[in-house]
Amino acid sequence: MDKIERIRETLDDLRLEDIIVYDVRKKSPFFDYFVISSAKNPRQLKASIMRIKNALEEGGYETPAVEGRDSEEWVLIDTGDIIVNVFSKTERDYYNIEKMWVDVPRMEQRQ
């Protein structure tokens, strides 16, 4: 399983909502994918940090950097080539960062 699928599967297993994966390989020289998701509560948001970290380590990938570890509203997980954002619903609605990516293709969700 490749890295982006491992991350997406982990977020899905956590039952995060509105998971969107943008393929920004043709738009950004800094990262390949930009992920946005919503946690239903602070506990789920915090769990996403540990679960993604563990999933990546199990796959042989480096440990990601985490910003907002103590936040209950927004966590950014930087794996180097993939940026994962986990928001509370309120914070996601407030920042509406999807508007920055309207012209970027989304990866289709596997069923």
Protein backbone atom coordinates (compact mmCIF):
# COMPACT_ATOMS: atom_id res chain seq x y z
CA MET A 1 0.00 0.00 0.00
CA ASP A 2 1.43 3.38 -0.91
CA LYS A 3 1.76 6.26 1.53
CA ILE A 4 -1.29 8.31 0.48
CA GLU A 5 -3.55 5.24 0.55
CA ARG A 6 -2.20 4.33 3.99
CA ILE A 7 -3.07 7.83 5.25
CA ARG A 8 -6.50 7.86 3.63
CA GLU A 9 -7.32 4.42 5.02
CA THR A 10 -6.23 5.51 8.51
CA LEU A 11 -8.47 8.59 8.40
CA ASP A 12 -11.34 6.49 7.11
CA ASP A 13 -10.81 3.87 9.85
CA LEU A 14 -11.02 6.68 12.41
CA ARG A 15 -14.34 7.65 10.83
CA LEU A 16 -13.26 11.21 10.15
CA GLU A 17 -15.74 13.12 8.01
CA ASP A 18 -15.52 14.84 4.62
CA ILE A 19 -12.08 13.48 3.73
CA ILE A 20 -10.74 15.21 0.63
CA VAL A 21 -7.40 14.39 -0.99
CA TYR A 22 -6.06 16.92 -3.48
CA ASP A 23 -3.43 15.85 -5.98
CA VAL A 24 -1.17 18.93 -6.10
CA ARG A 25 1.82 17.36 -7.86
CA LYS A 26 1.37 19.72 -10.83
CA LYS A 27 0.68 22.76 -8.62
CA SER A 28 3.15 22.60 -5.74
CA PRO A 29 6.91 22.06 -5.70
CA PHE A 30 6.76 21.35 -1.95
CA PHE A 31 4.32 18.45 -1.55
CA ASP A 32 2.33 15.98 -3.65
CA TYR A 33 -0.96 15.67 -1.79
CA PHE A 34 -3.00 17.96 0.46
CA VAL A 35 -5.55 16.23 2.69
CA ILE A 36 -8.44 17.84 4.56
CA SER A 37 -10.69 16.04 7.03
CA SER A 38 -12.99 16.78 9.95
CA ALA A 39 -12.99 15.22 13.42
CA LYS A 40 -16.23 14.94 15.35
CA ASN A 41 -14.57 15.72 18.69
CA PRO A 42 -11.19 16.60 20.25
CA ARG A 43 -10.50 12.98 21.17
CA GLN A 44 -10.86 11.88 17.57
CA LEU A 45 -8.65 14.76 16.44
CA LYS A 46 -5.91 13.73 18.88
CA ALA A 47 -6.24 10.06 17.91
CA SER A 48 -5.57 10.96 14.28
CA ILE A 49 -2.04 12.09 15.18
CA MET A 50 -1.05 8.80 16.79
CA ARG A 51 -2.85 6.60 14.27
CA ILE A 52 -1.25 8.30 11.25
CA LYS A 53 2.15 8.23 12.93
CA ASN A 54 1.79 4.50 13.67
CA ALA A 55 0.45 3.65 10.20
CA LEU A 56 3.35 5.41 8.52
CA GLU A 57 5.96 3.82 10.77
CA GLU A 58 4.42 0.38 10.16
CA GLY A 59 4.75 1.06 6.43
CA GLY A 60 8.41 1.96 6.78
CA TYR A 61 7.91 5.70 6.34
CA GLU A 62 9.51 8.43 8.43
CA THR A 63 7.76 9.84 11.49
CA PRO A 64 5.77 12.92 10.46
CA ALA A 65 6.09 16.39 11.95
CA VAL A 66 2.99 17.63 13.79
CA GLU A 67 1.79 21.19 14.29
CA GLY A 68 -1.02 21.92 16.74
CA ARG A 69 -0.50 18.80 18.82
CA ASP A 70 -2.15 20.55 21.80
CA SER A 71 -4.98 22.06 19.77
CA GLU A 72 -8.53 20.77 19.92
CA GLU A 73 -9.44 22.56 16.68
CA TRP A 74 -6.81 21.94 13.98
CA VAL A 75 -3.85 19.62 13.58
CA LEU A 76 -1.43 19.65 10.64
CA ILE A 77 0.57 16.49 10.01
CA ASP A 78 3.49 16.97 7.63
CA THR A 79 4.91 13.78 6.13
CA GLY A 80 7.20 15.67 3.75
CA ASP A 81 5.32 14.95 0.53
CA ILE A 82 1.82 14.86 2.04
CA ILE A 83 0.16 17.51 4.23
CA VAL A 84 -2.72 16.21 6.35
CA ASN A 85 -5.12 18.65 8.02
CA VAL A 86 -7.56 17.43 10.66
CA PHE A 87 -10.04 20.09 11.70
CA SER A 88 -12.93 20.39 14.08
CA LYS A 89 -16.09 21.05 12.07
CA THR A 90 -16.28 24.64 13.36
CA GLU A 91 -12.67 25.41 12.49
CA ARG A 92 -12.94 23.87 9.04
CA ASP A 93 -16.03 25.93 8.26
CA TYR A 94 -14.33 29.08 9.54
CA TYR A 95 -11.12 28.75 7.50
CA ASN A 96 -12.72 27.11 4.46
CA ILE A 97 -9.32 26.22 2.99
CA GLU A 98 -11.00 24.18 0.27
CA LYS A 99 -11.53 27.48 -1.55
CA MET A 100 -7.76 27.59 -2.23
CA TRP A 101 -7.92 24.29 -4.09
CA VAL A 102 -10.95 24.69 -6.36
CA ASP A 103 -8.88 24.24 -9.52
CA VAL A 104 -6.93 21.24 -8.19
CA PRO A 105 -8.03 17.67 -8.98
CA ARG A 106 -9.27 15.50 -6.15
CA MET A 107 -8.22 11.90 -5.81
CA GLU A 108 -11.15 9.56 -6.10
CA GLN A 109 -12.12 7.67 -2.96
CA ARG A 110 -11.66 3.91 -3.19
CA GLN A 111 -14.75 1.89 -2.40
